[in-house]
Protein backbone atom coordinates (compact mmCIF):
# COMPACT_ATOMS: atom_id res chain seq x y z
CA UNK A 1 -10.34 21.92 23.41
CA UNK A 2 -7.08 19.97 24.05
CA UNK A 3 -9.02 16.64 24.00
CA UNK A 4 -10.68 17.56 20.62
CA UNK A 5 -7.25 18.31 19.21
CA UNK A 6 -5.69 15.19 20.58
CA UNK A 7 -8.74 13.19 19.34
CA UNK A 8 -8.20 14.73 15.76
CA UNK A 9 -4.56 13.83 15.67
CA UNK A 10 -5.22 10.23 16.63
CA UNK A 11 -7.93 9.82 14.02
CA UNK A 12 -5.67 11.53 11.41
CA UNK A 13 -2.84 9.15 12.24
CA UNK A 14 -5.00 6.03 12.06
CA UNK A 15 -6.43 7.10 8.68
CA UNK A 16 -2.95 8.05 7.29
CA UNK A 17 -1.45 4.62 8.44
CA UNK A 18 -4.37 2.68 6.87
CA UNK A 19 -3.92 4.39 3.40
CA UNK A 20 -0.05 3.63 3.17
CA UNK A 21 1.10 0.77 1.03
CA UNK A 22 1.99 -2.22 3.04
CA UNK A 23 5.28 -3.99 2.59
CA UNK A 24 4.43 -7.47 1.33
CA UNK A 25 7.71 -8.79 0.23
CA UNK A 26 8.25 -10.04 -3.23
CA UNK A 27 6.81 -12.88 -5.41
CA UNK A 28 8.38 -16.29 -4.94
CA UNK A 29 9.58 -18.39 -7.98
CA UNK A 30 6.84 -19.07 -10.56
CA UNK A 31 4.51 -16.37 -8.97
CA UNK A 32 3.00 -13.17 -10.34
CA UNK A 33 1.43 -10.84 -7.94
CA UNK A 34 -1.52 -8.58 -8.81
CA UNK A 35 -0.85 -5.51 -6.61
CA UNK A 36 -1.38 -1.74 -6.76
CA UNK A 37 -3.13 -2.21 -10.18
CA UNK A 38 0.01 -3.73 -11.61
CA UNK A 39 1.49 -7.28 -12.30
CA UNK A 40 4.83 -7.94 -10.40
CA UNK A 41 6.78 -9.10 -12.20
CA UNK A 42 5.64 -7.93 -15.58
CA UNK A 43 7.68 -10.60 -17.34
CA UNK A 44 8.48 -14.17 -16.11
CA UNK A 45 10.78 -16.81 -17.70
CA UNK A 46 9.86 -20.35 -16.90
CA UNK A 47 10.75 -23.80 -18.28
CA UNK A 48 7.96 -25.79 -20.11
CA UNK A 49 5.78 -27.67 -17.77
CA UNK A 50 6.01 -25.07 -15.09
CA UNK A 51 2.80 -24.00 -13.23
CA UNK A 52 2.66 -20.27 -12.51
CA UNK A 53 0.51 -18.86 -9.75
CA UNK A 54 -1.06 -15.52 -10.18
CA UNK A 55 -1.92 -14.08 -6.69
CA UNK A 56 -4.28 -11.03 -6.17
CA UNK A 57 -2.67 -9.02 -3.35
CA UNK A 58 -4.75 -5.94 -4.19
CA UNK A 59 -7.99 -4.73 -2.84
CA UNK A 60 -9.77 -4.79 -6.22
CA UNK A 61 -10.69 -7.55 -8.56
CA UNK A 62 -8.36 -8.57 -11.32
CA UNK A 63 -7.99 -11.24 -13.95
CA UNK A 64 -5.28 -12.87 -16.05
CA UNK A 65 -6.34 -13.26 -19.68
CA UNK A 66 -4.03 -14.36 -22.51
CA UNK A 67 -4.05 -12.46 -25.71
CA UNK A 68 -4.19 -15.61 -27.79
CA UNK A 69 -7.08 -17.32 -25.79
CA UNK A 70 -4.81 -19.86 -24.16
CA UNK A 71 -6.07 -19.04 -20.57
CA UNK A 72 -8.47 -16.87 -18.83
CA UNK A 73 -8.80 -16.82 -15.06
CA UNK A 74 -12.09 -15.08 -14.74
CA UNK A 75 -12.53 -12.90 -11.69
CA UNK A 76 -9.73 -13.22 -9.08
CA UNK A 77 -10.87 -11.65 -5.83
CA UNK A 78 -8.62 -10.04 -3.39
CA UNK A 79 -6.65 -12.70 -1.51
CA UNK A 80 -7.44 -15.39 -4.20
CA UNK A 81 -5.09 -16.93 -6.83
CA UNK A 82 -5.23 -18.66 -10.21
CA UNK A 83 -2.80 -21.21 -11.58
CA UNK A 84 -1.92 -22.15 -15.16
CA UNK A 85 0.61 -24.83 -16.41
CA UNK A 86 2.72 -23.69 -19.33
CA UNK A 87 3.45 -26.80 -21.49
CA UNK A 88 4.10 -25.03 -24.82
CA UNK A 89 7.27 -23.11 -25.65
CA UNK A 90 6.67 -19.57 -26.61
CA UNK A 91 5.75 -16.10 -25.33
CA UNK A 92 2.34 -15.72 -23.82
CA UNK A 93 1.07 -12.13 -23.45
CA UNK A 94 -1.70 -11.42 -20.86
CA UNK A 95 -3.76 -8.45 -19.46
CA UNK A 96 -6.36 -7.79 -16.80
CA UNK A 97 -10.01 -7.70 -18.14
CA UNK A 98 -10.98 -5.16 -15.53
CA UNK A 99 -8.17 -2.69 -16.25
CA UNK A 100 -7.22 -3.51 -19.92
CA UNK A 101 -6.04 0.00 -20.81
CA UNK A 102 -3.70 0.06 -17.88
CA UNK A 103 -0.19 -0.80 -19.29
CA UNK A 104 1.04 -1.83 -15.79
CA UNK A 105 -1.62 -4.69 -16.05
CA UNK A 106 -0.08 -6.27 -19.03
CA UNK A 107 2.53 -8.92 -18.83
CA UNK A 108 4.24 -11.86 -20.49
CA UNK A 109 5.24 -15.37 -19.60
CA UNK A 110 8.31 -16.65 -21.63
CA UNK A 111 8.32 -20.41 -21.80
CA UNK A 112 11.65 -22.07 -22.63
């Protein structure tokens, strides 16, 4: 009986630990992370000519699609990335095609 209980506790601990969010740090300059069904940061300011890298740190597929049709990443699988160079001054709003109703997966790049 004690072995069953010990076994159950060990299994519970392994499952609990695997479900916790992992600390991954924070995005570097000119990076947007797609994690926990959200963009991080949701707004980024860059200078014209800057290349921004969108990195999928989540377990599900995501995309980065601009509202004005300027760019569309297509599917970004877990562990993959997409880059886009912003050469035009303005504000570029974007969203995830897979989760378009999720307000946490909407963002903006402000180009100066």
